[in-house]
Every structure is written in structure tokens, then in C-alpha cells.
């Protein structure tokens, strides 16, 4: 999705995002296609020491094969993760009040300069839902219903602000 349809990638970094194959593929594609990347760190995000170095061993051979069929080598994922983890992140507490979500959304919009629409591509463990649109891609992983709802609401806020730009 990112390499063909997006001007920016918003990554909702949670405790699970970087271990999801499709998130890894979108992140690697964005970094190497020079798409603007905006990391948004949820309250449960942390990258343990040595995380990037262990990434190439984290994928099964089947996952590595699927990624390779899309032109994404495991080494590219590690390199992309290194770059993303060095970037400034927008803080996002999914259980915070709506005004804090709105402030985070404004910060995300300011970092997505030039993109005109929000494309929401999130893997939701709870719902399994995917919604696809245009220009800015949001990738993340949320396992709790409340976290999914807060994430969706913030994505809609960002989308509304992008439409107003």
C-alpha cells in the first residue's frame, strides 16, 4: 500500500507493531521509498535493547518468503527499524482524554505536510478489520477493544484535519 499509494506513513508503535509482518513490510517500504514517516508511540511501546539486531531471526521462513515476494528483504526491515527508532515520536496514550488525542492528532497532521487524505491500514487483533483509503497510511497493532477505539477515533480526527488542510 505505502509504496504505491501513500505520501506519508503514520506508525502507531505499540508493544506489538514491530513484530507484525505486514506492519514491517509497510514500514520498510516507506523508509526506502522515501515516504514521510511519523512514528506515534503508544503508552505500551518499548524497543528492548538489541531488538533491531534480533529482527532477522524473528520471522518464520514462511513470513520471510511472503515479505520477499513483495520485494522486502529481512535486512531492509532491520535497517528501516533502526531509522524509525531514531526518529522523534509523537506520544499517544490511548487511554488519555479526548483533548490529548486531539493534540496528538494535530501534531501528526503537522508532521504529514503535503498529504491530503488519511489511509487507515491497521491490523486489529480484536476485529480483524482493515479500512483502506488514500495518501497517508497509518499502521499499528492494537489488541484491546478500548485501544482500538481510541486509535480509530484519533485516526478519524487526523483524517478530518487533513481534509481541512
N, C-alpha and C. Protein backbone atom coordinates (compact mmCIF):
# COMPACT_ATOMS: atom_id res chain seq x y z
N UNK A 1 0.83 -1.19 0.00
CA UNK A 1 0.00 0.00 0.00
C UNK A 1 0.87 1.25 0.00
N UNK A 2 1.84 1.31 0.91
CA UNK A 2 2.67 2.51 1.06
C UNK A 2 3.43 2.83 -0.22
N UNK A 3 4.06 1.84 -0.81
CA UNK A 3 4.95 2.13 -1.92
C UNK A 3 4.21 2.62 -3.16
N UNK A 4 2.90 2.42 -3.23
CA UNK A 4 2.16 2.84 -4.42
C UNK A 4 1.16 3.96 -4.17
N UNK A 5 0.68 4.11 -2.93
CA UNK A 5 -0.47 4.99 -2.72
C UNK A 5 -0.30 6.04 -1.64
N UNK A 6 0.83 6.11 -0.97
CA UNK A 6 0.92 6.98 0.20
C UNK A 6 2.00 8.05 0.07
N UNK A 7 1.71 9.19 0.68
CA UNK A 7 2.66 10.28 0.78
C UNK A 7 3.30 10.32 2.16
N UNK A 8 2.66 9.65 3.12
CA UNK A 8 3.19 9.60 4.49
C UNK A 8 2.73 8.32 5.15
N UNK A 9 3.53 7.85 6.10
CA UNK A 9 3.18 6.68 6.89
C UNK A 9 3.16 7.08 8.35
N UNK A 10 2.03 6.92 9.01
CA UNK A 10 1.91 7.15 10.44
C UNK A 10 1.97 5.78 11.09
N UNK A 11 2.98 5.56 11.93
CA UNK A 11 3.16 4.27 12.59
C UNK A 11 2.69 4.38 14.02
N UNK A 12 1.65 3.65 14.38
CA UNK A 12 1.24 3.59 15.77
C UNK A 12 2.09 2.51 16.42
N UNK A 13 3.13 2.93 17.12
CA UNK A 13 4.04 2.00 17.77
C UNK A 13 3.43 1.52 19.09
N UNK A 14 3.08 0.25 19.13
CA UNK A 14 2.59 -0.38 20.35
C UNK A 14 3.56 -1.49 20.71
N UNK A 15 3.25 -2.23 21.74
CA UNK A 15 4.12 -3.34 22.13
C UNK A 15 4.19 -4.43 21.06
N UNK A 16 3.27 -4.41 20.10
CA UNK A 16 3.20 -5.47 19.10
C UNK A 16 3.50 -5.04 17.67
N UNK A 17 3.47 -3.77 17.38
CA UNK A 17 3.57 -3.30 15.99
C UNK A 17 4.77 -3.84 15.24
N UNK A 18 5.94 -3.74 15.82
CA UNK A 18 7.16 -4.10 15.09
C UNK A 18 7.34 -5.61 14.92
N UNK A 19 6.46 -6.40 15.55
CA UNK A 19 6.53 -7.84 15.38
C UNK A 19 5.49 -8.36 14.39
N UNK A 20 4.76 -7.46 13.75
CA UNK A 20 3.74 -7.85 12.78
C UNK A 20 4.30 -7.75 11.36
N UNK A 21 4.17 -8.84 10.62
CA UNK A 21 4.76 -8.94 9.30
C UNK A 21 4.31 -7.82 8.36
N UNK A 22 3.02 -7.55 8.28
CA UNK A 22 2.55 -6.54 7.33
C UNK A 22 2.95 -5.14 7.77
N UNK A 23 2.99 -4.90 9.07
CA UNK A 23 3.48 -3.60 9.55
C UNK A 23 4.94 -3.44 9.15
N UNK A 24 5.73 -4.52 9.34
CA UNK A 24 7.15 -4.48 8.98
C UNK A 24 7.31 -4.17 7.49
N UNK A 25 6.51 -4.80 6.67
CA UNK A 25 6.59 -4.57 5.23
C UNK A 25 6.26 -3.14 4.85
N UNK A 26 5.21 -2.59 5.46
CA UNK A 26 4.81 -1.20 5.16
C UNK A 26 5.88 -0.22 5.65
N UNK A 27 6.44 -0.48 6.83
CA UNK A 27 7.47 0.41 7.38
C UNK A 27 8.71 0.38 6.50
N UNK A 28 9.17 -0.82 6.13
CA UNK A 28 10.36 -0.93 5.28
C UNK A 28 10.11 -0.26 3.93
N UNK A 29 8.93 -0.48 3.35
CA UNK A 29 8.60 0.15 2.06
C UNK A 29 8.65 1.66 2.16
N UNK A 30 8.06 2.20 3.22
CA UNK A 30 8.01 3.66 3.40
C UNK A 30 9.40 4.25 3.53
N UNK A 31 10.22 3.64 4.38
CA UNK A 31 11.56 4.18 4.63
C UNK A 31 12.38 4.17 3.34
N UNK A 32 12.30 3.10 2.59
CA UNK A 32 13.16 3.00 1.40
C UNK A 32 12.56 3.64 0.15
N UNK A 33 11.28 3.98 0.18
CA UNK A 33 10.68 4.74 -0.91
C UNK A 33 10.67 6.23 -0.59
N UNK A 34 11.30 6.59 0.53
CA UNK A 34 11.42 8.00 0.96
C UNK A 34 10.05 8.64 1.21
N UNK A 35 9.11 7.83 1.71
CA UNK A 35 7.80 8.34 2.12
C UNK A 35 7.98 8.95 3.50
N UNK A 36 7.33 10.07 3.77
CA UNK A 36 7.42 10.68 5.10
C UNK A 36 6.91 9.70 6.14
N UNK A 37 7.66 9.54 7.23
CA UNK A 37 7.29 8.61 8.30
C UNK A 37 7.08 9.39 9.58
N UNK A 38 5.94 9.15 10.24
CA UNK A 38 5.63 9.80 11.52
C UNK A 38 5.38 8.71 12.55
N UNK A 39 6.36 8.44 13.41
CA UNK A 39 6.15 7.45 14.46
C UNK A 39 5.33 8.04 15.61
N UNK A 40 4.33 7.31 16.02
CA UNK A 40 3.47 7.70 17.14
C UNK A 40 3.60 6.59 18.19
N UNK A 41 4.16 6.92 19.35
CA UNK A 41 4.43 5.91 20.37
C UNK A 41 3.28 5.83 21.38
N UNK A 42 2.63 4.67 21.39
CA UNK A 42 1.59 4.42 22.39
C UNK A 42 2.24 4.18 23.75
N UNK A 43 1.42 4.22 24.77
CA UNK A 43 1.93 4.12 26.14
C UNK A 43 2.64 2.80 26.41
N UNK A 44 2.33 1.74 25.67
CA UNK A 44 2.95 0.45 25.94
C UNK A 44 4.15 0.14 25.03
N UNK A 45 4.57 1.11 24.22
CA UNK A 45 5.66 0.85 23.29
C UNK A 45 7.02 0.91 23.98
N UNK A 46 7.84 -0.05 23.65
CA UNK A 46 9.25 -0.03 24.04
C UNK A 46 9.99 -0.99 23.10
N UNK A 47 11.17 -0.60 22.71
CA UNK A 47 12.04 -1.47 21.91
C UNK A 47 13.18 -1.89 22.82
N UNK A 48 13.17 -3.14 23.24
CA UNK A 48 14.22 -3.58 24.17
C UNK A 48 15.61 -3.51 23.54
N UNK A 49 16.63 -3.39 24.37
CA UNK A 49 18.00 -3.37 23.83
C UNK A 49 18.24 -4.60 22.96
N UNK A 50 18.87 -4.39 21.82
CA UNK A 50 19.18 -5.48 20.90
C UNK A 50 18.01 -5.92 20.03
N UNK A 51 16.90 -5.21 20.13
CA UNK A 51 15.70 -5.58 19.38
C UNK A 51 15.96 -5.62 17.87
N UNK A 52 16.54 -4.56 17.34
CA UNK A 52 16.76 -4.49 15.89
C UNK A 52 17.70 -5.60 15.43
N UNK A 53 18.73 -5.86 16.20
CA UNK A 53 19.70 -6.89 15.82
C UNK A 53 19.06 -8.28 15.76
N UNK A 54 18.02 -8.51 16.55
CA UNK A 54 17.36 -9.82 16.58
C UNK A 54 16.23 -9.94 15.57
N UNK A 55 15.90 -8.86 14.86
CA UNK A 55 14.75 -8.88 13.97
C UNK A 55 14.83 -9.93 12.86
N UNK A 56 15.98 -10.09 12.26
CA UNK A 56 16.07 -11.02 11.13
C UNK A 56 15.77 -12.45 11.56
N UNK A 57 16.00 -12.79 12.83
CA UNK A 57 15.70 -14.14 13.32
C UNK A 57 14.26 -14.25 13.83
N UNK A 58 13.55 -13.14 13.91
CA UNK A 58 12.20 -13.14 14.48
C UNK A 58 11.14 -13.67 13.51
N UNK A 59 11.42 -13.64 12.23
CA UNK A 59 10.43 -14.02 11.22
C UNK A 59 10.55 -15.50 10.87
N UNK A 60 9.41 -16.15 10.69
CA UNK A 60 9.44 -17.55 10.24
C UNK A 60 9.87 -17.58 8.78
N UNK A 61 10.24 -18.75 8.29
CA UNK A 61 10.63 -18.85 6.88
C UNK A 61 9.45 -18.52 5.98
N UNK A 62 8.23 -18.87 6.40
CA UNK A 62 7.04 -18.53 5.61
C UNK A 62 6.84 -17.02 5.54
N UNK A 63 7.00 -16.34 6.69
CA UNK A 63 6.86 -14.87 6.70
C UNK A 63 7.95 -14.23 5.85
N UNK A 64 9.17 -14.72 5.98
CA UNK A 64 10.28 -14.18 5.17
C UNK A 64 9.99 -14.37 3.70
N UNK A 65 9.41 -15.50 3.33
CA UNK A 65 9.06 -15.76 1.94
C UNK A 65 8.00 -14.81 1.42
N UNK A 66 6.98 -14.57 2.23
CA UNK A 66 5.91 -13.63 1.83
C UNK A 66 6.49 -12.23 1.65
N UNK A 67 7.29 -11.79 2.61
CA UNK A 67 7.90 -10.47 2.51
C UNK A 67 8.80 -10.38 1.27
N UNK A 68 9.60 -11.41 1.03
CA UNK A 68 10.49 -11.42 -0.13
C UNK A 68 9.69 -11.37 -1.43
N UNK A 69 8.52 -12.02 -1.46
CA UNK A 69 7.70 -11.99 -2.67
C UNK A 69 7.18 -10.59 -2.97
N UNK A 70 7.21 -9.73 -1.97
CA UNK A 70 6.82 -8.32 -2.15
C UNK A 70 8.04 -7.41 -2.25
N UNK A 71 9.22 -8.02 -2.40
CA UNK A 71 10.45 -7.24 -2.58
C UNK A 71 11.04 -6.70 -1.30
N UNK A 72 10.69 -7.30 -0.17
CA UNK A 72 11.16 -6.79 1.12
C UNK A 72 12.06 -7.84 1.77
N UNK A 73 13.36 -7.56 1.77
CA UNK A 73 14.32 -8.46 2.41
C UNK A 73 14.36 -8.17 3.90
N UNK A 74 14.68 -9.19 4.68
CA UNK A 74 14.71 -9.02 6.14
C UNK A 74 15.71 -7.96 6.57
N UNK A 75 16.82 -7.85 5.86
CA UNK A 75 17.80 -6.81 6.18
C UNK A 75 17.24 -5.42 6.02
N UNK A 76 16.34 -5.23 5.05
CA UNK A 76 15.71 -3.92 4.85
C UNK A 76 14.82 -3.57 6.04
N UNK A 77 14.16 -4.57 6.60
CA UNK A 77 13.31 -4.31 7.76
C UNK A 77 14.16 -3.84 8.93
N UNK A 78 15.26 -4.52 9.18
CA UNK A 78 16.15 -4.11 10.28
C UNK A 78 16.66 -2.69 10.08
N UNK A 79 17.08 -2.38 8.86
CA UNK A 79 17.57 -1.03 8.57
C UNK A 79 16.47 0.00 8.75
N UNK A 80 15.26 -0.32 8.30
CA UNK A 80 14.13 0.61 8.44
C UNK A 80 13.80 0.81 9.92
N UNK A 81 13.80 -0.27 10.70
CA UNK A 81 13.51 -0.16 12.12
C UNK A 81 14.55 0.71 12.82
N UNK A 82 15.81 0.56 12.45
CA UNK A 82 16.86 1.41 13.05
C UNK A 82 16.54 2.88 12.81
N UNK A 83 16.17 3.21 11.57
CA UNK A 83 15.87 4.61 11.25
C UNK A 83 14.64 5.10 12.00
N UNK A 84 13.59 4.29 12.03
CA UNK A 84 12.35 4.70 12.70
C UNK A 84 12.58 4.90 14.20
N UNK A 85 13.35 4.01 14.81
CA UNK A 85 13.57 4.11 16.25
C UNK A 85 14.44 5.31 16.63
N UNK A 86 15.15 5.89 15.66
CA UNK A 86 15.94 7.10 15.92
C UNK A 86 15.12 8.37 15.72
N UNK A 87 13.95 8.27 15.13
CA UNK A 87 13.12 9.45 14.85
C UNK A 87 12.43 9.94 16.11
N UNK A 88 12.12 11.26 16.12
CA UNK A 88 11.29 11.80 17.19
C UNK A 88 9.90 11.20 17.06
N UNK A 89 9.29 10.88 18.20
CA UNK A 89 7.98 10.24 18.20
C UNK A 89 6.93 11.16 18.80
N UNK A 90 5.72 11.06 18.28
CA UNK A 90 4.57 11.72 18.88
C UNK A 90 4.07 10.79 19.97
N UNK A 91 3.93 11.29 21.20
CA UNK A 91 3.42 10.48 22.30
C UNK A 91 1.91 10.33 22.19
N UNK A 92 1.43 9.12 22.44
CA UNK A 92 -0.01 8.86 22.33
C UNK A 92 -0.44 7.85 23.38
N UNK A 93 -1.17 8.34 24.38
CA UNK A 93 -1.72 7.46 25.41
C UNK A 93 -3.16 7.15 25.01
N UNK A 94 -3.42 5.93 24.63
CA UNK A 94 -4.73 5.54 24.12
C UNK A 94 -5.83 5.66 25.16
N UNK A 95 -5.47 5.74 26.42
CA UNK A 95 -6.48 5.86 27.47
C UNK A 95 -6.58 7.29 28.00
N UNK A 96 -5.92 8.23 27.36
CA UNK A 96 -5.96 9.64 27.77
C UNK A 96 -7.29 10.26 27.34
N UNK A 97 -7.58 11.45 27.88
CA UNK A 97 -8.82 12.15 27.50
C UNK A 97 -8.78 12.59 26.03
N UNK A 98 -9.95 12.83 25.49
CA UNK A 98 -10.10 13.19 24.08
C UNK A 98 -9.27 14.41 23.69
N UNK A 99 -9.12 15.39 24.59
CA UNK A 99 -8.37 16.60 24.23
C UNK A 99 -6.90 16.25 23.97
N UNK A 100 -6.36 15.25 24.69
CA UNK A 100 -4.98 14.83 24.44
C UNK A 100 -4.87 14.09 23.10
N UNK A 101 -5.89 13.32 22.76
CA UNK A 101 -5.92 12.66 21.45
C UNK A 101 -5.95 13.71 20.34
N UNK A 102 -6.73 14.75 20.55
CA UNK A 102 -6.82 15.82 19.55
C UNK A 102 -5.47 16.52 19.39
N UNK A 103 -4.78 16.75 20.51
CA UNK A 103 -3.45 17.39 20.45
C UNK A 103 -2.47 16.49 19.70
N UNK A 104 -2.52 15.19 19.96
CA UNK A 104 -1.64 14.26 19.26
C UNK A 104 -1.98 14.25 17.77
N UNK A 105 -3.27 14.28 17.45
CA UNK A 105 -3.69 14.30 16.05
C UNK A 105 -3.17 15.54 15.34
N UNK A 106 -3.22 16.68 16.01
CA UNK A 106 -2.70 17.93 15.42
C UNK A 106 -1.21 17.82 15.15
N UNK A 107 -0.49 17.22 16.08
CA UNK A 107 0.95 17.04 15.92
C UNK A 107 1.24 16.12 14.73
N UNK A 108 0.47 15.04 14.61
CA UNK A 108 0.63 14.12 13.48
C UNK A 108 0.37 14.84 12.17
N UNK A 109 -0.71 15.61 12.11
CA UNK A 109 -1.05 16.34 10.89
C UNK A 109 0.08 17.29 10.51
N UNK A 110 0.64 17.99 11.49
CA UNK A 110 1.73 18.92 11.18
C UNK A 110 2.95 18.20 10.62
N UNK A 111 3.15 16.94 11.02
CA UNK A 111 4.29 16.17 10.53
C UNK A 111 4.01 15.52 9.17
N UNK A 112 2.75 15.47 8.77
CA UNK A 112 2.37 14.85 7.49
C UNK A 112 2.22 15.89 6.39
N UNK A 113 2.99 16.94 6.44
CA UNK A 113 2.88 18.01 5.46
C UNK A 113 2.74 17.48 4.03
N UNK A 114 1.80 18.05 3.29
CA UNK A 114 1.67 17.72 1.88
C UNK A 114 0.71 16.60 1.58
N UNK A 115 0.43 15.71 2.50
CA UNK A 115 -0.52 14.64 2.24
C UNK A 115 -1.93 15.19 2.39
N UNK A 116 -2.86 14.64 1.64
CA UNK A 116 -4.20 15.22 1.63
C UNK A 116 -5.29 14.34 2.23
N UNK A 117 -5.06 13.08 2.37
CA UNK A 117 -6.07 12.20 2.96
C UNK A 117 -5.39 11.17 3.86
N UNK A 118 -6.13 10.61 4.76
CA UNK A 118 -5.60 9.58 5.65
C UNK A 118 -6.04 8.22 5.14
N UNK A 119 -5.10 7.35 4.98
CA UNK A 119 -5.42 5.96 4.65
C UNK A 119 -5.19 5.15 5.90
N UNK A 120 -6.20 4.51 6.38
CA UNK A 120 -6.09 3.74 7.60
C UNK A 120 -5.90 2.28 7.24
N UNK A 121 -4.74 1.74 7.59
CA UNK A 121 -4.42 0.33 7.34
C UNK A 121 -3.90 -0.21 8.64
N UNK A 122 -4.82 -0.66 9.50
CA UNK A 122 -4.42 -1.15 10.81
C UNK A 122 -4.84 -2.60 10.94
N UNK A 123 -3.98 -3.40 11.54
CA UNK A 123 -4.36 -4.76 11.87
C UNK A 123 -4.94 -4.71 13.27
N UNK A 124 -6.15 -5.16 13.41
CA UNK A 124 -6.80 -5.16 14.72
C UNK A 124 -7.01 -6.61 15.13
N UNK A 125 -6.33 -7.03 16.18
CA UNK A 125 -6.47 -8.40 16.66
C UNK A 125 -7.93 -8.65 17.04
N UNK A 126 -8.57 -7.67 17.65
CA UNK A 126 -9.93 -7.86 18.12
C UNK A 126 -10.91 -8.00 16.97
N UNK A 127 -10.83 -7.12 15.99
CA UNK A 127 -11.85 -7.10 14.95
C UNK A 127 -11.39 -7.69 13.63
N UNK A 128 -10.08 -7.73 13.39
CA UNK A 128 -9.59 -8.20 12.11
C UNK A 128 -9.92 -7.26 10.97
N UNK A 129 -10.37 -6.05 11.27
CA UNK A 129 -10.84 -5.13 10.24
C UNK A 129 -9.70 -4.38 9.58
N UNK A 130 -9.88 -4.10 8.30
CA UNK A 130 -8.97 -3.23 7.56
C UNK A 130 -9.82 -2.24 6.79
N UNK A 131 -9.40 -1.01 6.77
CA UNK A 131 -10.08 0.02 6.00
C UNK A 131 -9.03 0.73 5.18
N UNK A 132 -9.25 0.86 3.89
CA UNK A 132 -8.21 1.43 3.04
C UNK A 132 -8.76 2.65 2.31
N UNK A 133 -7.98 3.74 2.30
CA UNK A 133 -8.32 4.95 1.57
C UNK A 133 -7.12 5.45 0.80
N UNK A 134 -6.57 6.63 1.11
CA UNK A 134 -5.61 7.28 0.22
C UNK A 134 -4.58 8.17 0.93
N UNK A 135 -3.41 8.30 0.41
CA UNK A 135 -2.37 9.29 0.69
C UNK A 135 -1.55 9.20 1.97
N UNK A 136 -2.13 9.06 3.15
CA UNK A 136 -1.36 8.84 4.38
C UNK A 136 -1.77 7.48 4.91
N UNK A 137 -0.81 6.66 5.23
CA UNK A 137 -1.12 5.32 5.75
C UNK A 137 -0.81 5.29 7.23
N UNK A 138 -1.73 4.75 8.01
CA UNK A 138 -1.50 4.55 9.44
C UNK A 138 -1.38 3.06 9.68
N UNK A 139 -0.27 2.64 10.26
CA UNK A 139 -0.04 1.23 10.53
C UNK A 139 0.16 1.06 12.02
N UNK A 140 -0.48 0.07 12.59
CA UNK A 140 -0.29 -0.18 14.01
C UNK A 140 -0.94 -1.47 14.42
N UNK A 141 -0.79 -1.80 15.67
CA UNK A 141 -1.34 -3.04 16.21
C UNK A 141 -2.00 -2.72 17.53
N UNK A 142 -3.24 -3.12 17.69
CA UNK A 142 -3.94 -2.91 18.95
C UNK A 142 -4.72 -4.17 19.28
N UNK A 143 -4.57 -4.65 20.48
CA UNK A 143 -5.22 -5.90 20.87
C UNK A 143 -6.43 -5.69 21.78
N UNK A 144 -6.51 -4.54 22.44
CA UNK A 144 -7.62 -4.29 23.36
C UNK A 144 -8.68 -3.44 22.68
N UNK A 145 -9.93 -3.76 22.95
CA UNK A 145 -11.04 -3.03 22.33
C UNK A 145 -10.93 -1.53 22.60
N UNK A 146 -10.64 -1.12 23.83
CA UNK A 146 -10.52 0.31 24.15
C UNK A 146 -9.40 0.97 23.38
N UNK A 147 -8.29 0.27 23.22
CA UNK A 147 -7.16 0.83 22.48
C UNK A 147 -7.51 0.97 21.01
N UNK A 148 -8.22 -0.02 20.45
CA UNK A 148 -8.65 0.05 19.05
C UNK A 148 -9.56 1.24 18.85
N UNK A 149 -10.52 1.43 19.75
CA UNK A 149 -11.47 2.53 19.63
C UNK A 149 -10.75 3.88 19.71
N UNK A 150 -9.86 4.06 20.65
CA UNK A 150 -9.11 5.32 20.77
C UNK A 150 -8.27 5.55 19.53
N UNK A 151 -7.66 4.50 19.01
CA UNK A 151 -6.85 4.61 17.81
C UNK A 151 -7.70 5.02 16.62
N UNK A 152 -8.86 4.39 16.46
CA UNK A 152 -9.75 4.73 15.35
C UNK A 152 -10.25 6.17 15.48
N UNK A 153 -10.62 6.57 16.67
CA UNK A 153 -11.11 7.93 16.87
C UNK A 153 -10.04 8.96 16.54
N UNK A 154 -8.81 8.70 16.95
CA UNK A 154 -7.73 9.62 16.63
C UNK A 154 -7.45 9.64 15.15
N UNK A 155 -7.49 8.48 14.50
CA UNK A 155 -7.29 8.42 13.05
C UNK A 155 -8.36 9.25 12.34
N UNK A 156 -9.61 9.16 12.81
CA UNK A 156 -10.68 9.96 12.22
C UNK A 156 -10.44 11.44 12.44
N UNK A 157 -9.92 11.82 13.60
CA UNK A 157 -9.60 13.22 13.88
C UNK A 157 -8.51 13.71 12.93
N UNK A 158 -7.46 12.89 12.77
CA UNK A 158 -6.39 13.26 11.84
C UNK A 158 -6.95 13.40 10.45
N UNK A 159 -7.78 12.44 10.02
CA UNK A 159 -8.37 12.49 8.68
C UNK A 159 -9.17 13.77 8.48
N UNK A 160 -9.99 14.14 9.47
CA UNK A 160 -10.77 15.36 9.36
C UNK A 160 -9.91 16.59 9.24
N UNK A 161 -8.81 16.62 9.98
CA UNK A 161 -7.91 17.78 9.92
C UNK A 161 -7.13 17.80 8.60
N UNK A 162 -6.81 16.61 8.07
CA UNK A 162 -6.12 16.56 6.79
C UNK A 162 -7.05 17.05 5.68
N UNK A 163 -8.34 16.68 5.75
CA UNK A 163 -9.31 17.13 4.76
C UNK A 163 -9.47 18.64 4.80
N UNK A 164 -9.31 19.24 5.99
CA UNK A 164 -9.46 20.69 6.14
C UNK A 164 -8.27 21.46 5.61
N UNK A 165 -7.12 20.76 5.46
CA UNK A 165 -5.89 21.45 5.00
C UNK A 165 -5.97 21.75 3.54
